[in-house]
């Protein structure tokens, strides 16, 4: 089993590039974004052949999440909590880079705010 490092995560070795999911970027931001139509297709399973799992991370504040959220979403509203969930050494050590099971599509859902960014 190959050990995954932070450098591996940040290289852009994305399964997303192999799909026909339509994405766009905003000026000064490298994060690929999707519109609501692509989101619906993802939830409907159109891209299941590429991803073993879809994980929706709701980055809004807890009170916003508690007021209503996308079914199945998890609430993580701080950078520290995101790092703890996805980038801790013990978490990375469990990932087998050669396994299809690693093809989880992460979708970050948030609203604009000066705290979270656009």
N, C-alpha and C. Protein backbone atom coordinates (compact mmCIF):
# COMPACT_ATOMS: atom_id res chain seq x y z
N UNK A 1 0.84 -1.18 0.00
CA UNK A 1 0.00 0.00 0.00
C UNK A 1 0.89 1.25 0.00
N UNK A 2 0.65 2.17 -0.94
CA UNK A 2 1.40 3.41 -1.04
C UNK A 2 0.83 4.42 -0.05
N UNK A 3 1.71 5.06 0.70
CA UNK A 3 1.26 6.05 1.68
C UNK A 3 0.96 7.38 0.97
N UNK A 4 -0.21 7.94 1.21
CA UNK A 4 -0.62 9.20 0.63
C UNK A 4 -0.11 10.35 1.48
N UNK A 5 0.47 11.35 0.84
CA UNK A 5 0.99 12.51 1.55
C UNK A 5 0.19 13.75 1.16
N UNK A 6 0.41 14.83 1.87
CA UNK A 6 -0.26 16.08 1.53
C UNK A 6 0.11 16.52 0.12
N UNK A 7 1.35 16.28 -0.29
CA UNK A 7 1.79 16.64 -1.64
C UNK A 7 0.97 15.90 -2.69
N UNK A 8 0.64 14.62 -2.42
CA UNK A 8 -0.19 13.85 -3.35
C UNK A 8 -1.57 14.48 -3.48
N UNK A 9 -2.13 14.89 -2.36
CA UNK A 9 -3.47 15.46 -2.35
C UNK A 9 -3.50 16.76 -3.15
N UNK A 10 -2.43 17.53 -3.10
CA UNK A 10 -2.43 18.84 -3.73
C UNK A 10 -1.95 18.84 -5.18
N UNK A 11 -1.62 17.69 -5.75
CA UNK A 11 -1.09 17.62 -7.12
C UNK A 11 -2.15 17.81 -8.20
N UNK A 12 -3.38 17.60 -7.90
CA UNK A 12 -4.41 17.70 -8.92
C UNK A 12 -4.65 16.38 -9.63
N UNK A 13 -4.38 15.28 -8.96
CA UNK A 13 -4.58 13.96 -9.55
C UNK A 13 -6.05 13.55 -9.39
N UNK A 14 -6.90 14.31 -10.02
CA UNK A 14 -8.33 14.20 -9.79
C UNK A 14 -9.02 13.29 -10.79
N UNK A 15 -9.93 12.48 -10.30
CA UNK A 15 -10.80 11.67 -11.15
C UNK A 15 -11.76 12.59 -11.91
N UNK A 16 -12.03 13.75 -11.36
CA UNK A 16 -12.95 14.71 -11.98
C UNK A 16 -12.58 14.98 -13.43
N UNK A 17 -11.28 15.05 -13.71
CA UNK A 17 -10.81 15.33 -15.07
C UNK A 17 -11.21 14.24 -16.06
N UNK A 18 -11.47 13.04 -15.57
CA UNK A 18 -11.83 11.91 -16.44
C UNK A 18 -13.32 11.85 -16.75
N UNK A 19 -14.10 12.72 -16.12
CA UNK A 19 -15.55 12.70 -16.29
C UNK A 19 -16.01 13.79 -17.24
N UNK A 20 -17.30 13.80 -17.53
CA UNK A 20 -17.88 14.88 -18.34
C UNK A 20 -18.61 15.90 -17.46
N UNK A 21 -18.29 15.90 -16.16
CA UNK A 21 -18.90 16.89 -15.27
C UNK A 21 -18.43 18.27 -15.70
N UNK A 22 -19.38 19.14 -15.96
CA UNK A 22 -19.08 20.50 -16.40
C UNK A 22 -18.77 21.36 -15.17
N UNK A 23 -17.58 21.94 -15.17
CA UNK A 23 -17.18 22.81 -14.06
C UNK A 23 -16.81 24.19 -14.60
N UNK A 24 -16.73 25.13 -13.70
CA UNK A 24 -16.26 26.47 -14.06
C UNK A 24 -15.43 26.99 -12.90
N UNK A 25 -14.65 28.02 -13.17
CA UNK A 25 -13.84 28.66 -12.14
C UNK A 25 -14.19 30.14 -12.09
N UNK A 26 -13.90 30.75 -10.97
CA UNK A 26 -14.03 32.19 -10.86
C UNK A 26 -12.64 32.79 -10.82
N UNK A 27 -12.53 34.03 -11.20
CA UNK A 27 -11.24 34.71 -11.29
C UNK A 27 -10.47 34.61 -9.97
N UNK A 28 -9.21 34.20 -10.07
CA UNK A 28 -8.35 34.14 -8.91
C UNK A 28 -8.57 32.92 -8.01
N UNK A 29 -9.33 31.94 -8.49
CA UNK A 29 -9.65 30.77 -7.68
C UNK A 29 -9.49 29.52 -8.54
N UNK A 30 -8.75 28.54 -8.05
CA UNK A 30 -8.50 27.33 -8.82
C UNK A 30 -9.48 26.21 -8.51
N UNK A 31 -10.40 26.43 -7.59
CA UNK A 31 -11.34 25.38 -7.19
C UNK A 31 -12.41 25.23 -8.26
N UNK A 32 -12.56 24.01 -8.82
CA UNK A 32 -13.63 23.82 -9.81
C UNK A 32 -14.99 23.89 -9.13
N UNK A 33 -15.91 24.57 -9.79
CA UNK A 33 -17.26 24.73 -9.27
C UNK A 33 -18.25 24.08 -10.22
N UNK A 34 -19.40 23.71 -9.67
CA UNK A 34 -20.47 23.13 -10.48
C UNK A 34 -21.73 23.94 -10.30
N UNK A 35 -22.58 23.92 -11.30
CA UNK A 35 -23.87 24.59 -11.17
C UNK A 35 -24.91 23.58 -10.65
N UNK A 36 -26.09 24.07 -10.40
CA UNK A 36 -27.13 23.23 -9.80
C UNK A 36 -27.50 22.06 -10.71
N UNK A 37 -27.44 22.26 -12.04
CA UNK A 37 -27.78 21.17 -12.96
C UNK A 37 -26.79 20.02 -12.84
N UNK A 38 -25.50 20.32 -12.73
CA UNK A 38 -24.49 19.29 -12.55
C UNK A 38 -24.67 18.61 -11.20
N UNK A 39 -25.01 19.40 -10.19
CA UNK A 39 -25.22 18.85 -8.85
C UNK A 39 -26.36 17.81 -8.87
N UNK A 40 -27.44 18.14 -9.55
CA UNK A 40 -28.58 17.21 -9.64
C UNK A 40 -28.15 15.93 -10.36
N UNK A 41 -27.38 16.06 -11.44
CA UNK A 41 -26.91 14.88 -12.16
C UNK A 41 -26.04 14.00 -11.26
N UNK A 42 -25.20 14.63 -10.46
CA UNK A 42 -24.34 13.88 -9.53
C UNK A 42 -25.21 13.13 -8.52
N UNK A 43 -26.18 13.82 -7.94
CA UNK A 43 -27.06 13.18 -6.96
C UNK A 43 -27.91 12.08 -7.59
N UNK A 44 -28.24 12.23 -8.88
CA UNK A 44 -29.02 11.22 -9.58
C UNK A 44 -28.19 10.01 -10.01
N UNK A 45 -26.88 10.06 -9.76
CA UNK A 45 -26.02 8.92 -10.05
C UNK A 45 -25.47 8.85 -11.46
N UNK A 46 -25.58 9.93 -12.21
CA UNK A 46 -25.10 9.94 -13.59
C UNK A 46 -23.60 9.62 -13.68
N UNK A 47 -22.85 9.98 -12.65
CA UNK A 47 -21.39 9.79 -12.69
C UNK A 47 -20.90 8.70 -11.74
N UNK A 48 -21.79 7.83 -11.34
CA UNK A 48 -21.43 6.76 -10.39
C UNK A 48 -20.31 5.85 -10.89
N UNK A 49 -20.15 5.74 -12.20
CA UNK A 49 -19.09 4.88 -12.73
C UNK A 49 -17.70 5.42 -12.39
N UNK A 50 -17.61 6.70 -12.08
CA UNK A 50 -16.33 7.33 -11.77
C UNK A 50 -16.04 7.44 -10.27
N UNK A 51 -17.09 7.49 -9.48
CA UNK A 51 -16.93 7.74 -8.04
C UNK A 51 -17.62 6.66 -7.22
N UNK A 52 -16.90 6.15 -6.24
CA UNK A 52 -17.50 5.14 -5.38
C UNK A 52 -18.38 5.77 -4.31
N UNK A 53 -18.21 7.08 -4.10
CA UNK A 53 -18.96 7.76 -3.05
C UNK A 53 -18.99 9.25 -3.35
N UNK A 54 -20.07 9.91 -2.96
CA UNK A 54 -20.18 11.37 -3.02
C UNK A 54 -20.34 11.86 -1.59
N UNK A 55 -19.49 12.78 -1.19
CA UNK A 55 -19.56 13.34 0.15
C UNK A 55 -19.78 14.84 0.04
N UNK A 56 -20.88 15.30 0.58
CA UNK A 56 -21.21 16.72 0.55
C UNK A 56 -20.82 17.33 1.89
N UNK A 57 -19.93 18.30 1.83
CA UNK A 57 -19.47 19.00 3.04
C UNK A 57 -20.13 20.37 3.04
N UNK A 58 -21.00 20.57 3.99
CA UNK A 58 -21.70 21.85 4.14
C UNK A 58 -20.83 22.73 5.02
N UNK A 59 -20.27 23.79 4.44
CA UNK A 59 -19.32 24.64 5.15
C UNK A 59 -19.96 25.83 5.84
N UNK A 60 -21.27 25.86 5.85
CA UNK A 60 -21.95 26.96 6.54
C UNK A 60 -21.83 26.78 8.05
N UNK A 61 -22.16 27.83 8.76
CA UNK A 61 -22.13 27.76 10.22
C UNK A 61 -23.14 26.73 10.70
N UNK A 62 -22.90 26.20 11.89
CA UNK A 62 -23.74 25.12 12.42
C UNK A 62 -25.22 25.53 12.49
N UNK A 63 -25.49 26.76 12.90
CA UNK A 63 -26.89 27.17 13.00
C UNK A 63 -27.56 27.21 11.62
N UNK A 64 -26.78 27.54 10.57
CA UNK A 64 -27.32 27.53 9.22
C UNK A 64 -27.61 26.09 8.78
N UNK A 65 -26.66 25.20 9.05
CA UNK A 65 -26.81 23.78 8.73
C UNK A 65 -28.03 23.21 9.44
N UNK A 66 -28.17 23.53 10.72
CA UNK A 66 -29.30 23.02 11.51
C UNK A 66 -30.63 23.56 11.02
N UNK A 67 -30.60 24.72 10.35
CA UNK A 67 -31.82 25.31 9.81
C UNK A 67 -32.30 24.62 8.54
N UNK A 68 -31.47 23.77 7.97
CA UNK A 68 -31.81 23.03 6.76
C UNK A 68 -30.56 22.78 5.94
N UNK A 69 -30.44 21.57 5.43
CA UNK A 69 -29.25 21.22 4.66
C UNK A 69 -29.57 20.13 3.65
N UNK A 70 -28.64 19.89 2.76
CA UNK A 70 -28.77 18.85 1.74
C UNK A 70 -28.72 17.49 2.43
N UNK A 71 -29.65 16.63 2.06
CA UNK A 71 -29.71 15.28 2.64
C UNK A 71 -28.36 14.57 2.55
N UNK A 72 -27.89 14.05 3.65
CA UNK A 72 -26.64 13.30 3.68
C UNK A 72 -25.39 14.15 3.86
N UNK A 73 -25.53 15.47 3.86
CA UNK A 73 -24.37 16.35 4.01
C UNK A 73 -23.85 16.29 5.44
N UNK A 74 -22.55 16.54 5.58
CA UNK A 74 -21.96 16.70 6.91
C UNK A 74 -21.58 18.16 7.07
N UNK A 75 -21.59 18.63 8.29
CA UNK A 75 -21.29 20.03 8.56
C UNK A 75 -19.87 20.17 9.11
N UNK A 76 -19.03 20.84 8.35
CA UNK A 76 -17.68 21.18 8.79
C UNK A 76 -17.48 22.64 8.43
N UNK A 77 -17.36 23.50 9.43
CA UNK A 77 -17.37 24.93 9.14
C UNK A 77 -16.06 25.65 9.46
N UNK A 78 -15.00 24.91 9.75
CA UNK A 78 -13.72 25.59 9.98
C UNK A 78 -12.60 24.85 9.27
N UNK A 79 -11.56 25.59 8.93
CA UNK A 79 -10.41 24.99 8.26
C UNK A 79 -9.76 23.93 9.14
N UNK A 80 -9.69 24.21 10.43
CA UNK A 80 -9.09 23.24 11.35
C UNK A 80 -9.86 21.92 11.34
N UNK A 81 -11.19 21.99 11.37
CA UNK A 81 -12.00 20.77 11.34
C UNK A 81 -11.85 20.03 10.01
N UNK A 82 -11.74 20.77 8.90
CA UNK A 82 -11.51 20.13 7.60
C UNK A 82 -10.18 19.39 7.59
N UNK A 83 -9.14 20.03 8.11
CA UNK A 83 -7.82 19.40 8.18
C UNK A 83 -7.87 18.16 9.05
N UNK A 84 -8.55 18.25 10.18
CA UNK A 84 -8.66 17.09 11.07
C UNK A 84 -9.39 15.94 10.40
N UNK A 85 -10.41 16.24 9.61
CA UNK A 85 -11.21 15.20 8.95
C UNK A 85 -10.47 14.54 7.79
N UNK A 86 -9.73 15.33 7.01
CA UNK A 86 -9.20 14.82 5.76
C UNK A 86 -7.67 14.78 5.64
N UNK A 87 -6.95 15.54 6.44
CA UNK A 87 -5.50 15.65 6.20
C UNK A 87 -4.62 15.20 7.36
N UNK A 88 -5.18 14.63 8.37
CA UNK A 88 -4.36 14.11 9.47
C UNK A 88 -3.61 12.88 8.99
N UNK A 89 -2.40 12.69 9.51
CA UNK A 89 -1.57 11.57 9.09
C UNK A 89 -2.27 10.22 9.23
N UNK A 90 -3.01 10.01 10.33
CA UNK A 90 -3.67 8.72 10.51
C UNK A 90 -4.76 8.50 9.46
N UNK A 91 -5.41 9.56 9.03
CA UNK A 91 -6.42 9.46 7.98
C UNK A 91 -5.75 9.15 6.64
N UNK A 92 -4.69 9.87 6.32
CA UNK A 92 -3.98 9.66 5.05
C UNK A 92 -3.34 8.29 4.98
N UNK A 93 -2.87 7.78 6.12
CA UNK A 93 -2.19 6.49 6.14
C UNK A 93 -3.13 5.34 5.78
N UNK A 94 -4.43 5.53 5.97
CA UNK A 94 -5.42 4.48 5.69
C UNK A 94 -5.79 4.38 4.21
N UNK A 95 -5.32 5.34 3.40
CA UNK A 95 -5.74 5.39 2.01
C UNK A 95 -4.81 4.58 1.13
N UNK A 96 -5.38 3.66 0.38
CA UNK A 96 -4.64 2.87 -0.59
C UNK A 96 -4.77 3.58 -1.94
N UNK A 97 -3.68 4.15 -2.42
CA UNK A 97 -3.71 4.94 -3.66
C UNK A 97 -4.12 4.13 -4.89
N UNK A 98 -4.03 2.81 -4.82
CA UNK A 98 -4.35 1.97 -5.97
C UNK A 98 -5.78 1.44 -5.94
N UNK A 99 -6.55 1.87 -4.97
CA UNK A 99 -7.90 1.34 -4.82
C UNK A 99 -8.94 2.27 -5.43
N UNK A 100 -9.91 1.70 -6.14
CA UNK A 100 -11.04 2.46 -6.69
C UNK A 100 -11.85 3.09 -5.56
N UNK A 101 -11.78 2.50 -4.38
CA UNK A 101 -12.55 2.99 -3.25
C UNK A 101 -12.13 4.40 -2.82
N UNK A 102 -11.00 4.88 -3.31
CA UNK A 102 -10.54 6.23 -2.98
C UNK A 102 -11.19 7.30 -3.83
N UNK A 103 -11.98 6.90 -4.81
CA UNK A 103 -12.57 7.85 -5.73
C UNK A 103 -13.84 8.46 -5.15
N UNK A 104 -13.68 9.20 -4.08
CA UNK A 104 -14.79 9.90 -3.45
C UNK A 104 -14.87 11.31 -4.01
N UNK A 105 -16.03 11.70 -4.49
CA UNK A 105 -16.24 13.05 -4.98
C UNK A 105 -16.62 13.92 -3.79
N UNK A 106 -15.81 14.92 -3.51
CA UNK A 106 -16.10 15.86 -2.43
C UNK A 106 -16.76 17.09 -3.03
N UNK A 107 -17.92 17.43 -2.50
CA UNK A 107 -18.62 18.64 -2.92
C UNK A 107 -18.74 19.53 -1.70
N UNK A 108 -18.19 20.73 -1.82
CA UNK A 108 -18.26 21.70 -0.72
C UNK A 108 -19.39 22.66 -1.02
N UNK A 109 -20.33 22.73 -0.09
CA UNK A 109 -21.48 23.62 -0.22
C UNK A 109 -21.32 24.74 0.79
N UNK A 110 -21.37 25.99 0.29
CA UNK A 110 -21.29 27.13 1.22
C UNK A 110 -21.98 28.33 0.59
N UNK A 111 -22.12 29.34 1.38
CA UNK A 111 -22.64 30.62 0.92
C UNK A 111 -21.52 31.62 1.06
N UNK A 112 -21.60 32.71 0.32
CA UNK A 112 -20.57 33.73 0.42
C UNK A 112 -20.58 34.34 1.81
N UNK A 113 -19.39 34.53 2.37
CA UNK A 113 -19.23 35.31 3.59
C UNK A 113 -17.76 35.71 3.68
N UNK A 114 -17.49 36.76 4.41
CA UNK A 114 -16.09 37.19 4.56
C UNK A 114 -15.29 36.19 5.37
N UNK A 115 -15.97 35.35 6.15
CA UNK A 115 -15.30 34.32 6.95
C UNK A 115 -14.92 33.12 6.08
N UNK A 116 -15.84 32.65 5.24
CA UNK A 116 -15.64 31.45 4.44
C UNK A 116 -15.07 31.75 3.07
N UNK A 117 -15.29 32.94 2.56
CA UNK A 117 -14.88 33.27 1.18
C UNK A 117 -16.00 32.95 0.22
N UNK A 118 -15.81 33.34 -1.02
CA UNK A 118 -16.86 33.15 -2.02
C UNK A 118 -17.01 31.70 -2.41
